[in-house]
Amino acid sequence: MSRFPHLAAQAEQRRRLQEIETHPADNSVVRDAFLGIGIRLGIVLGLAYGIQTVIPWLAG
């Protein structure tokens, strides 16, 4: 056991912070995938709505 527990706690905290920084979370891959799907879905739905809106306007 350390004779200076506060210094040991600070060192442990620094080690944990460095470990977190060197190993970023892998959720960025999942986030990017969902973002890509969301953008594509938005484009498709926007085009579908636009086409549905324009067809009666052209026909009428």
N, C-alpha and C. Protein backbone atom coordinates (compact mmCIF):
# COMPACT_ATOMS: atom_id res chain seq x y z
N MET A 1 0.85 -1.18 0.00
CA MET A 1 0.00 0.00 0.00
C MET A 1 0.89 1.24 0.00
N SER A 2 0.46 2.23 -0.72
CA SER A 2 1.25 3.45 -0.87
C SER A 2 1.23 4.27 0.42
N ARG A 3 2.35 4.93 0.66
CA ARG A 3 2.41 5.82 1.82
C ARG A 3 1.71 7.13 1.52
N PHE A 4 1.46 7.40 0.24
CA PHE A 4 0.79 8.62 -0.18
C PHE A 4 -0.44 8.26 -1.01
N PRO A 5 -1.55 7.93 -0.33
CA PRO A 5 -2.72 7.45 -1.08
C PRO A 5 -3.28 8.47 -2.06
N HIS A 6 -3.18 9.77 -1.76
CA HIS A 6 -3.72 10.77 -2.69
C HIS A 6 -2.90 10.80 -3.97
N LEU A 7 -1.57 10.61 -3.87
CA LEU A 7 -0.74 10.57 -5.07
C LEU A 7 -1.03 9.31 -5.88
N ALA A 8 -1.25 8.20 -5.19
CA ALA A 8 -1.59 6.96 -5.88
C ALA A 8 -2.93 7.09 -6.60
N ALA A 9 -3.87 7.76 -5.97
CA ALA A 9 -5.19 7.95 -6.59
C ALA A 9 -5.07 8.85 -7.82
N GLN A 10 -4.24 9.89 -7.73
CA GLN A 10 -4.05 10.77 -8.88
C GLN A 10 -3.40 10.02 -10.04
N ALA A 11 -2.40 9.20 -9.71
CA ALA A 11 -1.72 8.43 -10.76
C ALA A 11 -2.68 7.45 -11.42
N GLU A 12 -3.52 6.81 -10.62
CA GLU A 12 -4.51 5.87 -11.17
C GLU A 12 -5.50 6.60 -12.07
N GLN A 13 -5.92 7.77 -11.64
CA GLN A 13 -6.86 8.55 -12.46
C GLN A 13 -6.20 8.95 -13.79
N ARG A 14 -4.93 9.36 -13.74
CA ARG A 14 -4.22 9.72 -14.97
C ARG A 14 -4.10 8.51 -15.89
N ARG A 15 -3.80 7.35 -15.32
CA ARG A 15 -3.70 6.13 -16.12
C ARG A 15 -5.03 5.80 -16.80
N ARG A 16 -6.11 5.94 -16.06
CA ARG A 16 -7.43 5.65 -16.64
C ARG A 16 -7.77 6.63 -17.76
N LEU A 17 -7.46 7.91 -17.57
CA LEU A 17 -7.74 8.90 -18.61
C LEU A 17 -6.93 8.62 -19.86
N GLN A 18 -5.66 8.24 -19.70
CA GLN A 18 -4.83 7.92 -20.86
C GLN A 18 -5.36 6.69 -21.57
N GLU A 19 -5.82 5.72 -20.80
CA GLU A 19 -6.36 4.49 -21.40
C GLU A 19 -7.62 4.79 -22.20
N ILE A 20 -8.46 5.67 -21.69
CA ILE A 20 -9.68 6.05 -22.40
C ILE A 20 -9.33 6.79 -23.68
N GLU A 21 -8.33 7.68 -23.62
CA GLU A 21 -7.95 8.46 -24.79
C GLU A 21 -7.33 7.60 -25.87
N THR A 22 -6.54 6.59 -25.47
CA THR A 22 -5.87 5.76 -26.48
C THR A 22 -6.82 4.73 -27.09
N HIS A 23 -7.93 4.42 -26.42
CA HIS A 23 -8.90 3.46 -26.93
C HIS A 23 -10.25 4.15 -27.09
N PRO A 24 -10.46 4.89 -28.18
CA PRO A 24 -11.75 5.57 -28.34
C PRO A 24 -12.89 4.56 -28.48
N ALA A 25 -14.06 5.02 -28.17
CA ALA A 25 -15.23 4.15 -28.24
C ALA A 25 -15.50 3.73 -29.68
N ASP A 26 -15.98 2.51 -29.85
CA ASP A 26 -16.27 1.99 -31.18
C ASP A 26 -17.68 2.36 -31.64
N ASN A 27 -18.38 3.16 -30.87
CA ASN A 27 -19.75 3.50 -31.27
C ASN A 27 -19.78 4.47 -32.43
N SER A 28 -18.62 5.03 -32.82
CA SER A 28 -18.61 5.95 -33.96
C SER A 28 -18.96 5.22 -35.25
N VAL A 29 -18.57 3.95 -35.35
CA VAL A 29 -18.90 3.17 -36.55
C VAL A 29 -20.40 2.97 -36.64
N VAL A 30 -21.02 2.63 -35.54
CA VAL A 30 -22.47 2.43 -35.51
C VAL A 30 -23.18 3.74 -35.78
N ARG A 31 -22.70 4.82 -35.18
CA ARG A 31 -23.32 6.13 -35.39
C ARG A 31 -23.23 6.54 -36.86
N ASP A 32 -22.07 6.32 -37.48
CA ASP A 32 -21.91 6.67 -38.89
C ASP A 32 -22.84 5.83 -39.77
N ALA A 33 -23.00 4.56 -39.44
CA ALA A 33 -23.88 3.70 -40.23
C ALA A 33 -25.33 4.19 -40.14
N PHE A 34 -25.78 4.48 -38.92
CA PHE A 34 -27.15 4.96 -38.76
C PHE A 34 -27.34 6.32 -39.42
N LEU A 35 -26.31 7.16 -39.36
CA LEU A 35 -26.41 8.47 -40.00
C LEU A 35 -26.53 8.31 -41.52
N GLY A 36 -25.74 7.40 -42.09
CA GLY A 36 -25.83 7.16 -43.53
C GLY A 36 -27.19 6.63 -43.94
N ILE A 37 -27.71 5.69 -43.14
CA ILE A 37 -29.04 5.15 -43.44
C ILE A 37 -30.09 6.25 -43.32
N GLY A 38 -29.97 7.08 -42.30
CA GLY A 38 -30.94 8.17 -42.10
C GLY A 38 -30.92 9.17 -43.24
N ILE A 39 -29.73 9.50 -43.72
CA ILE A 39 -29.64 10.44 -44.84
C ILE A 39 -30.26 9.85 -46.09
N ARG A 40 -29.94 8.59 -46.38
CA ARG A 40 -30.51 7.94 -47.57
C ARG A 40 -32.03 7.84 -47.45
N LEU A 41 -32.51 7.48 -46.28
CA LEU A 41 -33.95 7.36 -46.08
C LEU A 41 -34.62 8.72 -46.26
N GLY A 42 -34.00 9.77 -45.75
CA GLY A 42 -34.55 11.11 -45.92
C GLY A 42 -34.62 11.52 -47.38
N ILE A 43 -33.59 11.19 -48.14
CA ILE A 43 -33.58 11.52 -49.57
C ILE A 43 -34.69 10.76 -50.30
N VAL A 44 -34.80 9.46 -50.03
CA VAL A 44 -35.81 8.64 -50.71
C VAL A 44 -37.22 9.12 -50.36
N LEU A 45 -37.47 9.37 -49.08
CA LEU A 45 -38.80 9.83 -48.68
C LEU A 45 -39.10 11.23 -49.23
N GLY A 46 -38.09 12.08 -49.27
CA GLY A 46 -38.28 13.41 -49.84
C GLY A 46 -38.61 13.35 -51.32
N LEU A 47 -37.91 12.49 -52.05
CA LEU A 47 -38.21 12.33 -53.48
C LEU A 47 -39.61 11.75 -53.69
N ALA A 48 -39.98 10.76 -52.88
CA ALA A 48 -41.31 10.17 -53.01
C ALA A 48 -42.40 11.21 -52.75
N TYR A 49 -42.22 12.01 -51.71
CA TYR A 49 -43.21 13.05 -51.42
C TYR A 49 -43.25 14.09 -52.54
N GLY A 50 -42.09 14.46 -53.03
CA GLY A 50 -42.04 15.44 -54.11
C GLY A 50 -42.71 14.94 -55.37
N ILE A 51 -42.49 13.68 -55.71
CA ILE A 51 -43.12 13.10 -56.90
C ILE A 51 -44.63 13.04 -56.73
N GLN A 52 -45.08 12.62 -55.54
CA GLN A 52 -46.53 12.56 -55.28
C GLN A 52 -47.16 13.94 -55.36
N THR A 53 -46.42 14.95 -54.98
CA THR A 53 -46.95 16.31 -55.02
C THR A 53 -46.98 16.87 -56.43
N VAL A 54 -45.99 16.52 -57.22
CA VAL A 54 -45.86 17.10 -58.56
C VAL A 54 -46.78 16.43 -59.58
N ILE A 55 -47.04 15.14 -59.44
CA ILE A 55 -47.86 14.42 -60.44
C ILE A 55 -49.24 15.04 -60.59
N PRO A 56 -50.00 15.28 -59.52
CA PRO A 56 -51.32 15.91 -59.71
C PRO A 56 -51.21 17.33 -60.29
N TRP A 57 -50.14 18.03 -59.92
CA TRP A 57 -49.95 19.39 -60.43
C TRP A 57 -49.69 19.37 -61.94
N LEU A 58 -48.92 18.38 -62.41
CA LEU A 58 -48.67 18.24 -63.85
C LEU A 58 -49.92 17.77 -64.59
N ALA A 59 -50.67 16.86 -63.97
CA ALA A 59 -51.85 16.30 -64.63
C ALA A 59 -53.01 17.31 -64.66
N GLY A 60 -53.04 18.19 -63.69
CA GLY A 60 -54.21 19.04 -63.54
C GLY A 60 -54.09 20.35 -64.20
